[in-house]
Amino acid sequence: MPAFGFLVLALPAIILLLTFIRQVNQYERGIVFTMGKYSKTWEGGWHMLIPVFQTLQKVDIRIRAVDVPDQETITKDNIPIHINAVLYFKISNAEKSVIEVENYYYAVSQLAQITMRNSVGEVTLNELLSNKQQISERIKEQVDHTSEEWGIDVQSLELKDIVLPESLKRTIAKVAEAEREKQAVIINSEGELAASENISKAAKMLASTPGALHLRTLQSINDLSSDASNTTVWMVPVEALRALEGIANMGK
């Protein structure tokens, strides 16, 4: 019975004590205001808070991802595009993130959207497509510089999708197709030039070597005879052609 009485007396004291205790997780920081004025920052663990006189606001210091929504903008060469990105940041100063800005998550998102539109408007479409990583780094540095005053550290920013108008996509496809055709024509002409040079060298070699043309003719006959077809080949000696040529010249 005395133990029960002690428990009854101690229970209100325990409940009152629990109202003074506040828990701050390891991944949080507790911003304490005493009578409306900032007084201290708590790290993870249990802490004693004086009700009425003190208030606590917790801040998550883990890395957060902000999905920057699609932004319609115009590049330097007057091409309308849609672009979006993802931004990673964390709280580096919990005190500033509470005191200096009302809603740091919303503020960072809006800042990233404005900076992304302005940065894309300063480059051409070709520069945007070819230097995507460098432009992402430039936007990240600008956002980080501005948000540093809010106690925010921007880890990285990556441009995700660049959506082009359908008409522009067709135009780019036509340009790529024309470029491929141009390369094909150039390669084909270079092949024909190399083949003609080799044929010219072979003709000079056959003409300068006695009997070489006869051997080449016999090889051609052998190639034709190995093909099972109805082709009939009539062989005319070269001397006969030369005799006919001589007769024709005598007639002149």
Protein backbone atom coordinates (compact mmCIF):
# COMPACT_ATOMS: atom_id res chain seq x y z
CA MET A 1 0.00 0.00 0.00
CA PRO A 2 2.76 2.52 0.76
CA ALA A 3 4.38 1.62 -2.59
CA PHE A 4 1.09 2.26 -4.36
CA GLY A 5 0.78 5.61 -2.64
CA PHE A 6 4.30 6.55 -3.65
CA LEU A 7 3.52 5.62 -7.24
CA VAL A 8 0.38 7.75 -7.17
CA LEU A 9 2.38 10.71 -5.87
CA ALA A 10 5.29 10.19 -8.27
CA LEU A 11 3.16 9.73 -11.41
CA PRO A 12 2.21 13.43 -11.78
CA ALA A 13 5.85 14.38 -11.25
CA ILE A 14 6.94 11.95 -13.97
CA ILE A 15 4.30 13.26 -16.38
CA LEU A 16 5.35 16.82 -15.61
CA LEU A 17 8.99 15.89 -16.22
CA LEU A 18 8.14 14.34 -19.57
CA THR A 19 6.58 17.59 -20.70
CA PHE A 20 9.99 19.21 -20.29
CA ILE A 21 11.83 16.60 -22.37
CA ARG A 22 12.21 16.97 -26.14
CA GLN A 23 13.89 14.48 -28.45
CA VAL A 24 15.99 15.58 -31.41
CA ASN A 25 16.97 12.81 -33.83
CA GLN A 26 20.51 12.31 -35.06
CA TYR A 27 19.62 13.63 -38.54
CA GLU A 28 17.98 16.77 -37.09
CA ARG A 29 18.95 19.98 -35.41
CA GLY A 30 16.74 21.72 -32.85
CA ILE A 31 16.43 25.51 -33.02
CA VAL A 32 15.42 26.84 -29.60
CA PHE A 33 13.73 30.22 -29.15
CA THR A 34 13.51 31.68 -25.65
CA MET A 35 10.67 34.18 -25.39
CA GLY A 36 10.74 34.58 -29.16
CA LYS A 37 14.50 35.09 -29.47
CA TYR A 38 16.98 32.55 -30.79
CA SER A 39 19.04 31.10 -27.94
CA LYS A 40 20.69 27.82 -28.97
CA THR A 41 20.88 24.92 -31.42
CA TRP A 42 20.44 21.37 -30.15
CA GLU A 43 22.06 18.33 -31.70
CA GLY A 44 20.64 14.80 -31.54
CA GLY A 45 19.47 13.47 -28.15
CA TRP A 46 17.15 14.36 -25.26
CA HIS A 47 17.00 17.94 -24.05
CA MET A 48 15.10 19.88 -21.40
CA LEU A 49 12.71 22.54 -22.73
CA ILE A 50 10.95 25.06 -20.51
CA PRO A 51 7.33 25.22 -21.65
CA VAL A 52 5.72 28.58 -22.36
CA PHE A 53 9.08 30.39 -22.24
CA GLN A 54 10.83 28.26 -24.89
CA THR A 55 9.79 26.82 -28.26
CA LEU A 56 11.54 24.27 -30.43
CA GLN A 57 11.69 23.99 -34.20
CA LYS A 58 13.36 20.95 -35.76
CA VAL A 59 15.32 21.10 -39.00
CA ASP A 60 16.18 18.04 -41.09
CA ILE A 61 19.84 18.22 -42.17
CA ARG A 62 19.79 15.22 -44.54
CA ILE A 63 20.35 15.70 -48.26
CA ARG A 64 17.12 16.49 -50.06
CA ALA A 65 16.17 16.19 -53.72
CA VAL A 66 14.16 18.94 -55.37
CA ASP A 67 12.47 18.02 -58.64
CA VAL A 68 12.60 21.25 -60.61
CA PRO A 69 9.45 21.15 -62.80
CA ASP A 70 9.37 21.71 -66.55
CA GLN A 71 10.29 25.24 -67.52
CA GLU A 72 9.47 26.74 -70.90
CA THR A 73 12.26 29.01 -72.04
CA ILE A 74 13.83 30.38 -75.21
CA THR A 75 17.47 29.81 -76.08
CA LYS A 76 19.83 32.49 -77.32
CA ASP A 77 19.06 31.54 -80.94
CA ASN A 78 15.28 31.96 -80.33
CA ILE A 79 14.32 28.28 -80.07
CA PRO A 80 11.53 27.49 -77.56
CA ILE A 81 12.25 24.42 -75.42
CA HIS A 82 11.04 22.70 -72.25
CA ILE A 83 13.66 21.74 -69.69
CA ASN A 84 13.64 20.26 -66.19
CA ALA A 85 16.24 19.32 -63.60
CA VAL A 86 16.86 17.74 -60.21
CA LEU A 87 18.62 19.60 -57.39
CA TYR A 88 20.31 18.05 -54.34
CA PHE A 89 20.94 20.18 -51.27
CA LYS A 90 21.29 19.97 -47.51
CA ILE A 91 21.13 22.35 -44.55
CA SER A 92 24.59 23.56 -43.56
CA ASN A 93 23.40 26.11 -40.99
CA ALA A 94 20.12 25.21 -39.27
CA GLU A 95 19.88 28.58 -37.57
CA LYS A 96 19.95 30.54 -40.84
CA SER A 97 17.53 28.17 -42.57
CA VAL A 98 14.91 29.04 -39.94
CA ILE A 99 15.65 32.73 -39.31
CA GLU A 100 16.72 34.01 -42.75
CA VAL A 101 14.05 32.39 -44.95
CA GLU A 102 10.42 31.48 -44.31
CA ASN A 103 10.29 28.21 -46.29
CA TYR A 104 13.73 27.15 -47.45
CA TYR A 105 12.46 24.20 -49.56
CA TYR A 106 10.08 26.41 -51.56
CA ALA A 107 12.69 29.16 -51.82
CA VAL A 108 15.35 26.83 -53.22
CA SER A 109 12.90 25.37 -55.73
CA GLN A 110 11.89 28.80 -57.02
CA LEU A 111 15.50 29.98 -57.15
CA ALA A 112 16.51 26.92 -59.19
CA GLN A 113 13.67 27.50 -61.67
CA ILE A 114 14.55 31.16 -62.23
CA THR A 115 18.28 30.49 -62.51
CA MET A 116 17.73 27.61 -64.94
CA ARG A 117 15.56 29.73 -67.26
CA ASN A 118 18.04 32.61 -67.23
CA SER A 119 21.06 30.38 -67.83
CA VAL A 120 19.45 28.49 -70.72
CA GLY A 121 18.47 31.80 -72.33
CA GLU A 122 22.14 32.81 -72.48
CA VAL A 123 23.27 29.87 -74.68
CA THR A 124 22.31 28.51 -78.07
CA LEU A 125 20.62 25.15 -78.56
CA ASN A 126 23.82 23.54 -79.87
CA GLU A 127 25.76 24.79 -76.85
CA LEU A 128 23.05 23.49 -74.52
CA LEU A 129 23.06 20.01 -76.09
CA SER A 130 26.84 19.70 -76.35
CA ASN A 131 27.78 21.35 -73.02
CA LYS A 132 24.98 20.06 -70.82
CA GLN A 133 27.26 19.17 -67.91
CA GLN A 134 29.05 22.52 -67.89
CA ILE A 135 25.76 24.44 -67.96
CA SER A 136 24.42 22.30 -65.10
CA GLU A 137 27.52 23.14 -63.06
CA ARG A 138 27.10 26.84 -63.82
CA ILE A 139 23.47 26.82 -62.65
CA LYS A 140 24.48 24.90 -59.51
CA GLU A 141 27.13 27.48 -58.62
CA GLN A 142 24.69 30.38 -59.03
CA VAL A 143 22.02 28.70 -56.89
CA ASP A 144 24.61 27.75 -54.27
CA HIS A 145 25.96 31.31 -54.10
CA THR A 146 22.51 32.80 -53.46
CA SER A 147 21.21 30.11 -51.09
CA GLU A 148 24.39 30.18 -48.97
CA GLU A 149 22.91 33.13 -47.08
CA TRP A 150 19.99 30.88 -46.12
CA GLY A 151 22.27 28.24 -44.61
CA ILE A 152 21.84 25.88 -47.55
CA ASP A 153 24.60 23.95 -49.30
CA VAL A 154 23.76 22.84 -52.87
CA GLN A 155 25.41 19.49 -53.56
CA SER A 156 24.65 19.10 -57.27
CA LEU A 157 22.22 20.01 -60.03
CA GLU A 158 21.57 17.90 -63.10
CA LEU A 159 19.57 18.85 -66.18
CA LYS A 160 17.34 15.87 -66.96
CA ASP A 161 15.24 16.31 -70.10
CA ILE A 162 15.45 18.84 -72.91
CA VAL A 163 12.22 18.67 -74.91
CA LEU A 164 12.38 20.18 -78.41
CA PRO A 165 9.42 21.14 -80.64
CA GLU A 166 8.33 18.40 -83.05
CA SER A 167 9.03 20.58 -86.10
CA LEU A 168 12.58 21.16 -84.88
CA LYS A 169 13.09 17.44 -84.29
CA ARG A 170 12.13 16.75 -87.91
CA THR A 171 14.48 19.47 -89.12
CA ILE A 172 17.37 18.06 -87.08
CA ALA A 173 16.63 14.58 -88.46
CA LYS A 174 16.75 15.94 -92.01
CA VAL A 175 20.07 17.66 -91.34
CA ALA A 176 21.52 14.45 -89.90
CA GLU A 177 20.25 12.45 -92.89
CA ALA A 178 21.74 14.95 -95.35
CA GLU A 179 25.06 14.82 -93.49
CA ARG A 180 25.09 11.00 -93.72
CA GLU A 181 24.33 11.13 -97.44
CA LYS A 182 27.13 13.65 -97.92
CA GLN A 183 29.59 11.36 -96.16
CA ALA A 184 28.39 8.38 -98.24
CA VAL A 185 28.94 10.27 -101.52
CA ILE A 186 32.40 11.41 -100.43
CA ILE A 187 33.43 7.89 -99.39
CA ASN A 188 32.05 6.43 -102.64
CA SER A 189 33.92 8.97 -104.77
CA GLU A 190 37.14 8.36 -102.86
CA GLY A 191 36.72 4.63 -103.48
CA GLU A 192 36.18 5.20 -107.21
CA LEU A 193 39.25 7.43 -107.37
CA ALA A 194 41.41 4.80 -105.65
CA ALA A 195 40.00 2.07 -107.94
CA SER A 196 40.71 4.13 -111.08
CA GLU A 197 44.29 4.75 -109.96
CA ASN A 198 44.83 1.03 -109.39
CA ILE A 199 43.26 0.19 -112.77
CA SER A 200 45.52 2.72 -114.48
CA LYS A 201 48.59 1.19 -112.82
CA ALA A 202 47.47 -2.30 -113.81
CA ALA A 203 46.91 -1.22 -117.44
CA LYS A 204 50.38 0.33 -117.62
CA MET A 205 51.91 -2.82 -116.15
CA LEU A 206 50.07 -5.11 -118.61
CA ALA A 207 51.06 -2.90 -121.56
CA SER A 208 54.72 -2.83 -120.57
CA THR A 209 55.01 -6.59 -119.96
CA PRO A 210 54.95 -8.88 -123.06
CA GLY A 211 52.45 -11.72 -122.76
CA ALA A 212 50.81 -10.28 -119.64
CA LEU A 213 47.61 -9.42 -121.51
CA HIS A 214 47.37 -12.99 -122.87
CA LEU A 215 47.72 -14.40 -119.37
CA ARG A 216 45.05 -12.02 -118.10
CA THR A 217 42.77 -13.08 -120.96
CA LEU A 218 43.28 -16.76 -120.14
CA GLN A 219 42.50 -16.07 -116.48
CA SER A 220 39.26 -14.32 -117.47
CA ILE A 221 38.32 -17.30 -119.65
CA ASN A 222 39.01 -19.62 -116.74
CA ASP A 223 36.78 -17.53 -114.46
CA LEU A 224 33.95 -17.61 -117.01
CA SER A 225 34.26 -21.36 -117.58
CA SER A 226 33.88 -22.10 -113.85
CA ASP A 227 30.44 -20.43 -113.82
CA ALA A 228 27.60 -22.82 -114.78
CA SER A 229 25.70 -20.63 -117.28
CA ASN A 230 24.73 -20.45 -120.95
CA THR A 231 27.25 -17.75 -121.74
CA THR A 232 29.12 -18.26 -125.02
CA VAL A 233 32.52 -16.66 -125.39
CA TRP A 234 34.08 -16.05 -128.83
CA MET A 235 37.82 -15.55 -128.71
CA VAL A 236 39.45 -13.31 -131.32
CA PRO A 237 43.25 -13.18 -131.42
CA VAL A 238 44.78 -9.80 -130.77
CA GLU A 239 46.86 -10.19 -133.94
CA ALA A 240 43.70 -10.42 -136.03
CA LEU A 241 42.43 -7.18 -134.53
CA ARG A 242 45.73 -5.50 -135.27
CA ALA A 243 45.61 -6.79 -138.89
CA LEU A 244 42.12 -5.36 -139.33
CA GLU A 245 43.36 -2.09 -137.84
CA GLY A 246 46.23 -2.04 -140.36
CA ILE A 247 43.90 -2.68 -143.28
CA ALA A 248 41.68 0.12 -142.16
CA ASN A 249 44.63 2.49 -141.98
CA MET A 250 45.76 1.50 -145.49
CA GLY A 251 42.34 2.35 -146.84
CA LYS A 252 42.74 5.89 -145.56
